[in-house]
PDB file of all heavy atoms in Angstrom:
ATOM      1  N   PHE A   1    -127.610  63.967  33.722  1.00  0.00           N
ATOM      2  CA  PHE A   1    -126.723  64.782  33.037  1.00  0.00           C
ATOM      3  C   PHE A   1    -125.850  65.762  33.962  1.00  0.00           C
ATOM      4  O   PHE A   1    -126.342  66.496  34.761  1.00  0.00           O
ATOM      5  CB  PHE A   1    -127.334  65.686  32.139  1.00  0.00           C
ATOM      6  CG  PHE A   1    -127.636  65.201  30.739  1.00  0.00           C
ATOM      7  CD1 PHE A   1    -128.981  64.770  30.285  1.00  0.00           C
ATOM      8  CD2 PHE A   1    -126.637  65.021  29.795  1.00  0.00           C
ATOM      9  CE1 PHE A   1    -129.238  64.247  29.121  1.00  0.00           C
ATOM     10  CE2 PHE A   1    -126.893  64.578  28.552  1.00  0.00           C
ATOM     11  CZ  PHE A   1    -128.141  64.135  28.131  1.00  0.00           C
ATOM     12  N   ASP A   2    -124.437  65.568  33.944  1.00  0.00           N
ATOM     13  CA  ASP A   2    -123.602  66.477  34.481  1.00  0.00           C
ATOM     14  C   ASP A   2    -122.414  66.699  33.526  1.00  0.00           C
ATOM     15  O   ASP A   2    -122.563  66.361  32.389  1.00  0.00           O
ATOM     16  CB  ASP A   2    -122.993  65.985  35.823  1.00  0.00           C
ATOM     17  CG  ASP A   2    -122.284  64.662  35.663  1.00  0.00           C
ATOM     18  OD1 ASP A   2    -121.808  64.309  34.563  1.00  0.00           O
ATOM     19  OD2 ASP A   2    -122.168  63.841  36.600  1.00  0.00           O
ATOM     20  N   ALA A   3    -121.515  67.522  33.917  1.00  0.00           N
ATOM     21  CA  ALA A   3    -120.474  67.944  32.962  1.00  0.00           C
ATOM     22  C   ALA A   3    -119.787  66.645  32.266  1.00  0.00           C
ATOM     23  O   ALA A   3    -119.530  66.647  31.133  1.00  0.00           O
ATOM     24  CB  ALA A   3    -119.443  68.827  33.648  1.00  0.00           C
ATOM     25  N   GLU A   4    -119.530  65.663  33.086  1.00  0.00           N
ATOM     26  CA  GLU A   4    -118.842  64.421  32.577  1.00  0.00           C
ATOM     27  C   GLU A   4    -119.720  63.622  31.720  1.00  0.00           C
ATOM     28  O   GLU A   4    -119.235  63.360  30.539  1.00  0.00           O
ATOM     29  CB  GLU A   4    -118.350  63.693  33.888  1.00  0.00           C
ATOM     30  CG  GLU A   4    -117.523  62.402  33.407  1.00  0.00           C
ATOM     31  CD  GLU A   4    -117.156  61.534  34.629  1.00  0.00           C
ATOM     32  OE1 GLU A   4    -117.467  61.994  35.737  1.00  0.00           O
ATOM     33  OE2 GLU A   4    -116.622  60.454  34.383  1.00  0.00           O
ATOM     34  N   THR A   5    -120.870  63.378  32.099  1.00  0.00           N
ATOM     35  CA  THR A   5    -121.724  62.474  31.322  1.00  0.00           C
ATOM     36  C   THR A   5    -122.131  63.178  30.034  1.00  0.00           C
ATOM     37  O   THR A   5    -122.281  62.579  28.993  1.00  0.00           O
ATOM     38  CB  THR A   5    -122.998  62.011  32.072  1.00  0.00           C
ATOM     39  OG1 THR A   5    -123.678  63.120  32.579  1.00  0.00           O
ATOM     40  CG2 THR A   5    -122.461  61.144  33.248  1.00  0.00           C
ATOM     41  N   ARG A   6    -122.400  64.522  30.100  1.00  0.00           N
ATOM     42  CA  ARG A   6    -122.787  65.242  28.953  1.00  0.00           C
ATOM     43  C   ARG A   6    -121.618  65.237  27.856  1.00  0.00           C
ATOM     44  O   ARG A   6    -121.950  65.046  26.686  1.00  0.00           O
ATOM     45  CB  ARG A   6    -123.111  66.719  29.345  1.00  0.00           C
ATOM     46  CG  ARG A   6    -123.480  67.529  28.171  1.00  0.00           C
ATOM     47  CD  ARG A   6    -123.441  69.044  28.488  1.00  0.00           C
ATOM     48  NE  ARG A   6    -123.956  69.949  27.399  1.00  0.00           N
ATOM     49  CZ  ARG A   6    -123.220  70.350  26.367  1.00  0.00           C
ATOM     50  NH1 ARG A   6    -121.929  69.911  26.306  1.00  0.00           N
ATOM     51  NH2 ARG A   6    -123.666  71.070  25.393  1.00  0.00           N
ATOM     52  N   GLN A   7    -120.427  65.468  28.332  1.00  0.00           N
ATOM     53  CA  GLN A   7    -119.236  65.461  27.427  1.00  0.00           C
ATOM     54  C   GLN A   7    -119.094  64.173  26.824  1.00  0.00           C
ATOM     55  O   GLN A   7    -118.895  64.111  25.599  1.00  0.00           O
ATOM     56  CB  GLN A   7    -118.105  65.907  28.178  1.00  0.00           C
ATOM     57  CG  GLN A   7    -116.836  66.123  27.299  1.00  0.00           C
ATOM     58  CD  GLN A   7    -115.635  66.468  28.049  1.00  0.00           C
ATOM     59  OE1 GLN A   7    -115.310  65.904  29.132  1.00  0.00           O
ATOM     60  NE2 GLN A   7    -114.847  67.449  27.545  1.00  0.00           N
ATOM     61  N   ALA A   8    -119.269  63.089  27.599  1.00  0.00           N
ATOM     62  CA  ALA A   8    -119.018  61.767  26.966  1.00  0.00           C
ATOM     63  C   ALA A   8    -120.074  61.412  25.924  1.00  0.00           C
ATOM     64  O   ALA A   8    -119.703  60.823  24.909  1.00  0.00           O
ATOM     65  CB  ALA A   8    -119.024  60.750  28.192  1.00  0.00           C
ATOM     66  N   LEU A   9    -121.254  61.631  26.265  1.00  0.00           N
ATOM     67  CA  LEU A   9    -122.357  61.467  25.353  1.00  0.00           C
ATOM     68  C   LEU A   9    -122.193  62.185  24.012  1.00  0.00           C
ATOM     69  O   LEU A   9    -122.338  61.761  22.969  1.00  0.00           O
ATOM     70  CB  LEU A   9    -123.734  61.675  26.013  1.00  0.00           C
ATOM     71  CG  LEU A   9    -124.876  61.363  25.093  1.00  0.00           C
ATOM     72  CD1 LEU A   9    -124.981  59.786  24.803  1.00  0.00           C
ATOM     73  CD2 LEU A   9    -126.238  61.806  25.712  1.00  0.00           C
ATOM     74  N   TYR A  10    -121.836  63.418  24.209  1.00  0.00           N
ATOM     75  CA  TYR A  10    -121.812  64.510  23.118  1.00  0.00           C
ATOM     76  C   TYR A  10    -120.703  64.003  22.185  1.00  0.00           C
ATOM     77  O   TYR A  10    -120.731  63.908  21.042  1.00  0.00           O
ATOM     78  CB  TYR A  10    -121.597  65.880  23.499  1.00  0.00           C
ATOM     79  CG  TYR A  10    -121.396  66.869  22.429  1.00  0.00           C
ATOM     80  CD1 TYR A  10    -122.537  67.243  21.638  1.00  0.00           C
ATOM     81  CD2 TYR A  10    -120.076  67.230  21.975  1.00  0.00           C
ATOM     82  CE1 TYR A  10    -122.394  68.119  20.551  1.00  0.00           C
ATOM     83  CE2 TYR A  10    -119.958  68.118  20.897  1.00  0.00           C
ATOM     84  CZ  TYR A  10    -121.079  68.438  20.167  1.00  0.00           C
ATOM     85  OH  TYR A  10    -120.886  69.336  19.064  1.00  0.00           O
ATOM     86  N   HIS A  11    -119.469  63.635  22.786  1.00  0.00           N
ATOM     87  CA  HIS A  11    -118.243  63.309  21.952  1.00  0.00           C
ATOM     88  C   HIS A  11    -118.555  61.883  21.230  1.00  0.00           C
ATOM     89  O   HIS A  11    -118.120  61.852  20.023  1.00  0.00           O
ATOM     90  CB  HIS A  11    -117.009  63.278  22.945  1.00  0.00           C
ATOM     91  CG  HIS A  11    -116.418  64.483  23.269  1.00  0.00           C
ATOM     92  ND1 HIS A  11    -115.459  64.698  24.064  1.00  0.00           N
ATOM     93  CD2 HIS A  11    -116.836  65.718  22.974  1.00  0.00           C
ATOM     94  CE1 HIS A  11    -115.243  65.936  24.268  1.00  0.00           C
ATOM     95  NE2 HIS A  11    -115.998  66.713  23.434  1.00  0.00           N
ATOM     96  N   ALA A  12    -119.166  61.076  21.961  1.00  0.00           N
ATOM     97  CA  ALA A  12    -119.454  59.729  21.260  1.00  0.00           C
ATOM     98  C   ALA A  12    -120.379  60.067  20.047  1.00  0.00           C
ATOM     99  O   ALA A  12    -120.123  59.458  18.989  1.00  0.00           O
ATOM    100  CB  ALA A  12    -120.139  58.818  22.251  1.00  0.00           C
ATOM    101  N   ALA A  13    -121.385  60.749  20.243  1.00  0.00           N
ATOM    102  CA  ALA A  13    -122.256  61.042  19.063  1.00  0.00           C
ATOM    103  C   ALA A  13    -121.688  61.881  18.033  1.00  0.00           C
ATOM    104  O   ALA A  13    -121.809  61.745  16.885  1.00  0.00           O
ATOM    105  CB  ALA A  13    -123.496  61.799  19.576  1.00  0.00           C
ATOM    106  N   HIS A  14    -120.829  62.899  18.470  1.00  0.00           N
ATOM    107  CA  HIS A  14    -120.173  63.708  17.462  1.00  0.00           C
ATOM    108  C   HIS A  14    -119.172  62.941  16.566  1.00  0.00           C
ATOM    109  O   HIS A  14    -118.977  63.197  15.428  1.00  0.00           O
ATOM    110  CB  HIS A  14    -119.385  64.847  18.108  1.00  0.00           C
ATOM    111  CG  HIS A  14    -118.961  65.893  17.326  1.00  0.00           C
ATOM    112  ND1 HIS A  14    -117.697  65.932  16.742  1.00  0.00           N
ATOM    113  CD2 HIS A  14    -119.650  67.055  17.017  1.00  0.00           C
ATOM    114  CE1 HIS A  14    -117.591  67.006  16.065  1.00  0.00           C
ATOM    115  NE2 HIS A  14    -118.622  67.811  16.099  1.00  0.00           N
ATOM    116  N   ASP A  15    -118.444  61.947  17.118  1.00  0.00           N
ATOM    117  CA  ASP A  15    -117.535  61.132  16.468  1.00  0.00           C
ATOM    118  C   ASP A  15    -118.330  60.338  15.355  1.00  0.00           C
ATOM    119  O   ASP A  15    -117.859  60.156  14.272  1.00  0.00           O
ATOM    120  CB  ASP A  15    -116.713  60.317  17.358  1.00  0.00           C
ATOM    121  CG  ASP A  15    -115.726  61.026  18.092  1.00  0.00           C
ATOM    122  OD1 ASP A  15    -115.419  62.239  17.773  1.00  0.00           O
ATOM    123  OD2 ASP A  15    -115.045  60.436  18.945  1.00  0.00           O
ATOM    124  N   ILE A  16    -119.422  59.752  15.906  1.00  0.00           N
ATOM    125  CA  ILE A  16    -120.203  58.995  14.841  1.00  0.00           C
ATOM    126  C   ILE A  16    -120.793  59.965  13.697  1.00  0.00           C
ATOM    127  O   ILE A  16    -120.659  59.574  12.524  1.00  0.00           O
ATOM    128  CB  ILE A  16    -121.412  58.281  15.457  1.00  0.00           C
ATOM    129  CG1 ILE A  16    -120.880  57.231  16.397  1.00  0.00           C
ATOM    130  CG2 ILE A  16    -122.417  57.687  14.472  1.00  0.00           C
ATOM    131  CD1 ILE A  16    -121.869  56.453  17.169  1.00  0.00           C
ATOM    132  N   LYS A  17    -121.192  61.159  14.050  1.00  0.00           N
ATOM    133  CA  LYS A  17    -121.676  62.183  13.074  1.00  0.00           C
ATOM    134  C   LYS A  17    -120.482  62.424  12.118  1.00  0.00           C
ATOM    135  O   LYS A  17    -120.843  62.544  10.956  1.00  0.00           O
ATOM    136  CB  LYS A  17    -122.041  63.325  13.875  1.00  0.00           C
ATOM    137  CG  LYS A  17    -122.281  64.686  13.014  1.00  0.00           C
ATOM    138  CD  LYS A  17    -122.443  65.873  13.744  1.00  0.00           C
ATOM    139  CE  LYS A  17    -122.470  67.130  13.045  1.00  0.00           C
ATOM    140  NZ  LYS A  17    -122.573  68.463  13.775  1.00  0.00           N
ATOM    141  N   GLY A  18    -119.346  62.490  12.607  1.00  0.00           N
ATOM    142  CA  GLY A  18    -118.210  62.788  11.666  1.00  0.00           C
ATOM    143  C   GLY A  18    -117.655  61.645  10.866  1.00  0.00           C
ATOM    144  O   GLY A  18    -117.221  61.784   9.732  1.00  0.00           O
ATOM    145  N   GLU A  19    -117.761  60.464  11.413  1.00  0.00           N
ATOM    146  CA  GLU A  19    -117.148  59.307  10.701  1.00  0.00           C
ATOM    147  C   GLU A  19    -118.119  58.345  10.002  1.00  0.00           C
ATOM    148  O   GLU A  19    -117.714  57.741   8.972  1.00  0.00           O
ATOM    149  CB  GLU A  19    -116.491  58.384  11.785  1.00  0.00           C
ATOM    150  CG  GLU A  19    -115.345  59.118  12.566  1.00  0.00           C
ATOM    151  CD  GLU A  19    -114.921  58.347  13.857  1.00  0.00           C
ATOM    152  OE1 GLU A  19    -115.628  57.373  14.115  1.00  0.00           O
ATOM    153  OE2 GLU A  19    -114.094  58.752  14.545  1.00  0.00           O
ATOM    154  N   ALA A  20    -119.391  58.331  10.362  1.00  0.00           N
ATOM    155  CA  ALA A  20    -120.243  57.303   9.925  1.00  0.00           C
ATOM    156  C   ALA A  20    -120.460  57.402   8.362  1.00  0.00           C
ATOM    157  O   ALA A  20    -120.439  56.326   7.682  1.00  0.00           O
ATOM    158  CB  ALA A  20    -121.569  57.395  10.565  1.00  0.00           C
ATOM    159  N   ALA A  21    -120.502  58.545   7.733  1.00  0.00           N
ATOM    160  CA  ALA A  21    -120.719  58.670   6.270  1.00  0.00           C
ATOM    161  C   ALA A  21    -119.482  58.075   5.701  1.00  0.00           C
ATOM    162  O   ALA A  21    -119.650  57.350   4.642  1.00  0.00           O
ATOM    163  CB  ALA A  21    -120.978  60.128   5.868  1.00  0.00           C
ATOM    164  N   THR A  22    -118.321  58.404   6.086  1.00  0.00           N
ATOM    165  CA  THR A  22    -117.093  57.800   5.468  1.00  0.00           C
ATOM    166  C   THR A  22    -117.079  56.272   5.552  1.00  0.00           C
ATOM    167  O   THR A  22    -116.629  55.656   4.613  1.00  0.00           O
ATOM    168  CB  THR A  22    -115.955  58.355   6.130  1.00  0.00           C
ATOM    169  OG1 THR A  22    -115.902  59.868   5.998  1.00  0.00           O
ATOM    170  CG2 THR A  22    -114.576  57.810   5.629  1.00  0.00           C
ATOM    171  N   PHE A  23    -117.576  55.808   6.657  1.00  0.00           N
ATOM    172  CA  PHE A  23    -117.619  54.288   6.804  1.00  0.00           C
ATOM    173  C   PHE A  23    -118.816  53.667   6.075  1.00  0.00           C
ATOM    174  O   PHE A  23    -118.895  52.474   6.107  1.00  0.00           O
ATOM    175  CB  PHE A  23    -117.734  54.037   8.350  1.00  0.00           C
ATOM    176  CG  PHE A  23    -116.504  54.419   9.177  1.00  0.00           C
ATOM    177  CD1 PHE A  23    -116.555  54.399  10.565  1.00  0.00           C
ATOM    178  CD2 PHE A  23    -115.266  54.776   8.514  1.00  0.00           C
ATOM    179  CE1 PHE A  23    -115.449  54.705  11.261  1.00  0.00           C
ATOM    180  CE2 PHE A  23    -114.197  55.138   9.263  1.00  0.00           C
ATOM    181  CZ  PHE A  23    -114.250  55.104  10.642  1.00  0.00           C
ATOM    182  N   GLY A  24    -119.612  54.483   5.464  1.00  0.00           N
ATOM    183  CA  GLY A  24    -120.692  53.883   4.645  1.00  0.00           C
ATOM    184  C   GLY A  24    -121.957  53.817   5.447  1.00  0.00           C
ATOM    185  O   GLY A  24    -122.971  53.117   4.893  1.00  0.00           O
ATOM    186  N   PHE A  25    -122.246  54.551   6.503  1.00  0.00           N
ATOM    187  CA  PHE A  25    -123.456  54.609   7.194  1.00  0.00           C
ATOM    188  C   PHE A  25    -123.893  56.050   7.408  1.00  0.00           C
ATOM    189  O   PHE A  25    -123.942  56.612   8.484  1.00  0.00           O
ATOM    190  CB  PHE A  25    -123.066  54.023   8.716  1.00  0.00           C
ATOM    191  CG  PHE A  25    -122.668  52.569   8.578  1.00  0.00           C
ATOM    192  CD1 PHE A  25    -121.349  52.358   8.417  1.00  0.00           C
ATOM    193  CD2 PHE A  25    -123.606  51.506   8.866  1.00  0.00           C
ATOM    194  CE1 PHE A  25    -120.888  50.958   8.312  1.00  0.00           C
ATOM    195  CE2 PHE A  25    -123.127  50.207   8.811  1.00  0.00           C
ATOM    196  CZ  PHE A  25    -121.749  49.895   8.624  1.00  0.00           C
ATOM    197  N   PRO A  26    -124.235  56.682   6.287  1.00  0.00           N
ATOM    198  CA  PRO A  26    -124.590  58.148   6.403  1.00  0.00           C
ATOM    199  C   PRO A  26    -125.950  58.292   7.163  1.00  0.00           C
ATOM    200  O   PRO A  26    -126.008  59.415   7.815  1.00  0.00           O
ATOM    201  CB  PRO A  26    -124.859  58.436   4.845  1.00  0.00           C
ATOM    202  CG  PRO A  26    -125.139  57.125   4.216  1.00  0.00           C
ATOM    203  CD  PRO A  26    -124.341  56.163   4.869  1.00  0.00           C
ATOM    204  N   ARG A  27    -126.829  57.405   7.251  1.00  0.00           N
ATOM    205  CA  ARG A  27    -128.068  57.632   7.939  1.00  0.00           C
ATOM    206  C   ARG A  27    -127.753  57.628   9.411  1.00  0.00           C
ATOM    207  O   ARG A  27    -128.394  58.220  10.321  1.00  0.00           O
ATOM    208  CB  ARG A  27    -129.016  56.664   7.577  1.00  0.00           C
ATOM    209  CG  ARG A  27    -129.666  57.005   6.213  1.00  0.00           C
ATOM    210  CD  ARG A  27    -130.380  55.757   5.493  1.00  0.00           C
ATOM    211  NE  ARG A  27    -130.952  56.200   4.189  1.00  0.00           N
ATOM    212  CZ  ARG A  27    -130.146  56.083   3.217  1.00  0.00           C
ATOM    213  NH1 ARG A  27    -128.914  55.747   3.130  1.00  0.00           N
ATOM    214  NH2 ARG A  27    -130.794  56.603   2.048  1.00  0.00           N
ATOM    215  N   ALA A  28    -126.776  56.826   9.910  1.00  0.00           N
ATOM    216  CA  ALA A  28    -126.399  56.790  11.328  1.00  0.00           C
ATOM    217  C   ALA A  28    -125.727  58.180  11.602  1.00  0.00           C
ATOM    218  O   ALA A  28    -125.905  58.625  12.813  1.00  0.00           O
ATOM    219  CB  ALA A  28    -125.396  55.645  11.554  1.00  0.00           C
ATOM    220  N   ALA A  29    -125.045  58.762  10.674  1.00  0.00           N
ATOM    221  CA  ALA A  29    -124.555  60.050  10.952  1.00  0.00           C
ATOM    222  C   ALA A  29    -125.496  61.058  11.130  1.00  0.00           C
ATOM    223  O   ALA A  29    -125.451  61.937  12.032  1.00  0.00           O
ATOM    224  CB  ALA A  29    -123.624  60.433   9.782  1.00  0.00           C
ATOM    225  N   THR A  30    -126.696  60.876  10.420  1.00  0.00           N
ATOM    226  CA  THR A  30    -127.873  61.801  10.549  1.00  0.00           C
ATOM    227  C   THR A  30    -128.460  61.694  11.989  1.00  0.00           C
ATOM    228  O   THR A  30    -128.790  62.733  12.623  1.00  0.00           O
ATOM    229  CB  THR A  30    -128.795  61.539   9.539  1.00  0.00           C
ATOM    230  OG1 THR A  30    -128.264  61.695   8.114  1.00  0.00           O
ATOM    231  CG2 THR A  30    -129.994  62.619   9.638  1.00  0.00           C
ATOM    232  N   ALA A  31    -128.645  60.517  12.436  1.00  0.00           N
ATOM    233  CA  ALA A  31    -129.186  60.257  13.757  1.00  0.00           C
ATOM    234  C   ALA A  31    -128.317  60.850  14.782  1.00  0.00           C
ATOM    235  O   ALA A  31    -128.773  61.465  15.806  1.00  0.00           O
ATOM    236  CB  ALA A  31    -129.544  58.735  14.019  1.00  0.00           C
ATOM    237  N   ALA A  32    -126.991  60.537  14.646  1.00  0.00           N
ATOM    238  CA  ALA A  32    -126.046  61.051  15.734  1.00  0.00           C
ATOM    239  C   ALA A  32    -126.045  62.633  15.701  1.00  0.00           C
ATOM    240  O   ALA A  32    -125.882  63.219  16.748  1.00  0.00           O
ATOM    241  CB  ALA A  32    -124.714  60.508  15.385  1.00  0.00           C
ATOM    242  N   ALA A  33    -126.146  63.227  14.537  1.00  0.00           N
ATOM    243  CA  ALA A  33    -126.155  64.660  14.362  1.00  0.00           C
ATOM    244  C   ALA A  33    -127.367  65.245  15.146  1.00  0.00           C
ATOM    245  O   ALA A  33    -127.232  66.275  15.772  1.00  0.00           O
ATOM    246  CB  ALA A  33    -126.136  65.069  12.929  1.00  0.00           C
ATOM    247  N   SER A  34    -128.476  64.565  15.113  1.00  0.00           N
ATOM    248  CA  SER A  34    -129.677  64.999  15.826  1.00  0.00           C
ATOM    249  C   SER A  34    -129.420  64.958  17.270  1.00  0.00           C
ATOM    250  O   SER A  34    -129.897  65.815  17.982  1.00  0.00           O
ATOM    251  CB  SER A  34    -130.823  64.045  15.344  1.00  0.00           C
ATOM    252  OG  SER A  34    -132.001  64.383  16.181  1.00  0.00           O
ATOM    253  N   LEU A  35    -128.760  63.976  17.811  1.00  0.00           N
ATOM    254  CA  LEU A  35    -128.365  63.969  19.191  1.00  0.00           C
ATOM    255  C   LEU A  35    -127.492  65.103  19.576  1.00  0.00           C
ATOM    256  O   LEU A  35    -127.623  65.704  20.567  1.00  0.00           O
ATOM    257  CB  LEU A  35    -127.854  62.620  19.573  1.00  0.00           C
ATOM    258  CG  LEU A  35    -127.459  62.277  21.055  1.00  0.00           C
ATOM    259  CD1 LEU A  35    -128.577  62.634  21.966  1.00  0.00           C
ATOM    260  CD2 LEU A  35    -126.895  60.959  21.298  1.00  0.00           C
ATOM    261  N   CYS A  36    -126.490  65.340  18.751  1.00  0.00           N
ATOM    262  CA  CYS A  36    -125.586  66.435  19.018  1.00  0.00           C
ATOM    263  C   CYS A  36    -126.367  67.715  19.054  1.00  0.00           C
ATOM    264  O   CYS A  36    -126.084  68.605  19.932  1.00  0.00           O
ATOM    265  CB  CYS A  36    -124.471  66.519  17.885  1.00  0.00           C
ATOM    266  SG  CYS A  36    -123.298  65.183  17.866  1.00  0.00           S
ATOM    267  N   ARG A  37    -127.186  67.955  18.055  1.00  0.00           N
ATOM    268  CA  ARG A  37    -128.062  69.082  18.056  1.00  0.00           C
ATOM    269  C   ARG A  37    -128.899  69.319  19.316  1.00  0.00           C
ATOM    270  O   ARG A  37    -128.984  70.417  19.935  1.00  0.00           O
ATOM    271  CB  ARG A  37    -128.885  69.154  16.796  1.00  0.00           C
ATOM    272  CG  ARG A  37    -129.968  70.386  16.669  1.00  0.00           C
ATOM    273  CD  ARG A  37    -130.615  70.279  15.306  1.00  0.00           C
ATOM    274  NE  ARG A  37    -131.575  71.308  15.336  1.00  0.00           N
ATOM    275  CZ  ARG A  37    -132.879  71.029  15.284  1.00  0.00           C
ATOM    276  NH1 ARG A  37    -133.373  69.931  15.472  1.00  0.00           N
ATOM    277  NH2 ARG A  37    -133.772  72.150  15.247  1.00  0.00           N
ATOM    278  N   LEU A  38    -129.512  68.278  19.845  1.00  0.00           N
ATOM    279  CA  LEU A  38    -130.304  68.240  21.047  1.00  0.00           C
ATOM    280  C   LEU A  38    -129.453  68.652  22.194  1.00  0.00           C
ATOM    281  O   LEU A  38    -129.945  69.526  23.004  1.00  0.00           O
ATOM    282  CB  LEU A  38    -130.896  66.899  21.089  1.00  0.00           C
ATOM    283  CG  LEU A  38    -131.623  66.637  22.530  1.00  0.00           C
ATOM    284  CD1 LEU A  38    -132.854  67.514  22.621  1.00  0.00           C
ATOM    285  CD2 LEU A  38    -131.915  65.149  22.689  1.00  0.00           C
ATOM    286  N   ILE A  39    -128.294  68.276  22.260  1.00  0.00           N
ATOM    287  CA  ILE A  39    -127.441  68.528  23.414  1.00  0.00           C
ATOM    288  C   ILE A  39    -126.928  69.877  23.261  1.00  0.00           C
ATOM    289  O   ILE A  39    -126.940  70.675  24.241  1.00  0.00           O
ATOM    290  CB  ILE A  39    -126.179  67.472  23.502  1.00  0.00           C
ATOM    291  CG1 ILE A  39    -126.640  66.127  23.780  1.00  0.00           C
ATOM    292  CG2 ILE A  39    -125.227  67.927  24.589  1.00  0.00           C
ATOM    293  CD1 ILE A  39    -125.699  64.975  23.689  1.00  0.00           C
ATOM    294  N   GLU A  40    -126.545  70.298  22.096  1.00  0.00           N
ATOM    295  CA  GLU A  40    -125.949  71.589  21.947  1.00  0.00           C
ATOM    296  C   GLU A  40    -127.018  72.821  22.205  1.00  0.00           C
ATOM    297  O   GLU A  40    -126.619  73.712  22.762  1.00  0.00           O
ATOM    298  CB  GLU A  40    -125.429  71.760  20.458  1.00  0.00           C
ATOM    299  CG  GLU A  40    -124.279  71.007  20.177  1.00  0.00           C
ATOM    300  CD  GLU A  40    -123.872  71.066  18.676  1.00  0.00           C
ATOM    301  OE1 GLU A  40    -124.845  71.429  17.871  1.00  0.00           O
ATOM    302  OE2 GLU A  40    -122.656  70.733  18.263  1.00  0.00           O
TER     303      GLU A  40
END
């Protein structure tokens, strides 16, 4: 984990958190939100 890898992982998880429910994958959004919370 450094500034670059943290940001890339967080943004990838955050985008899934925000988009997955709209795309019909709400449980994937929940798992991604958990990863965001862990990092935050």
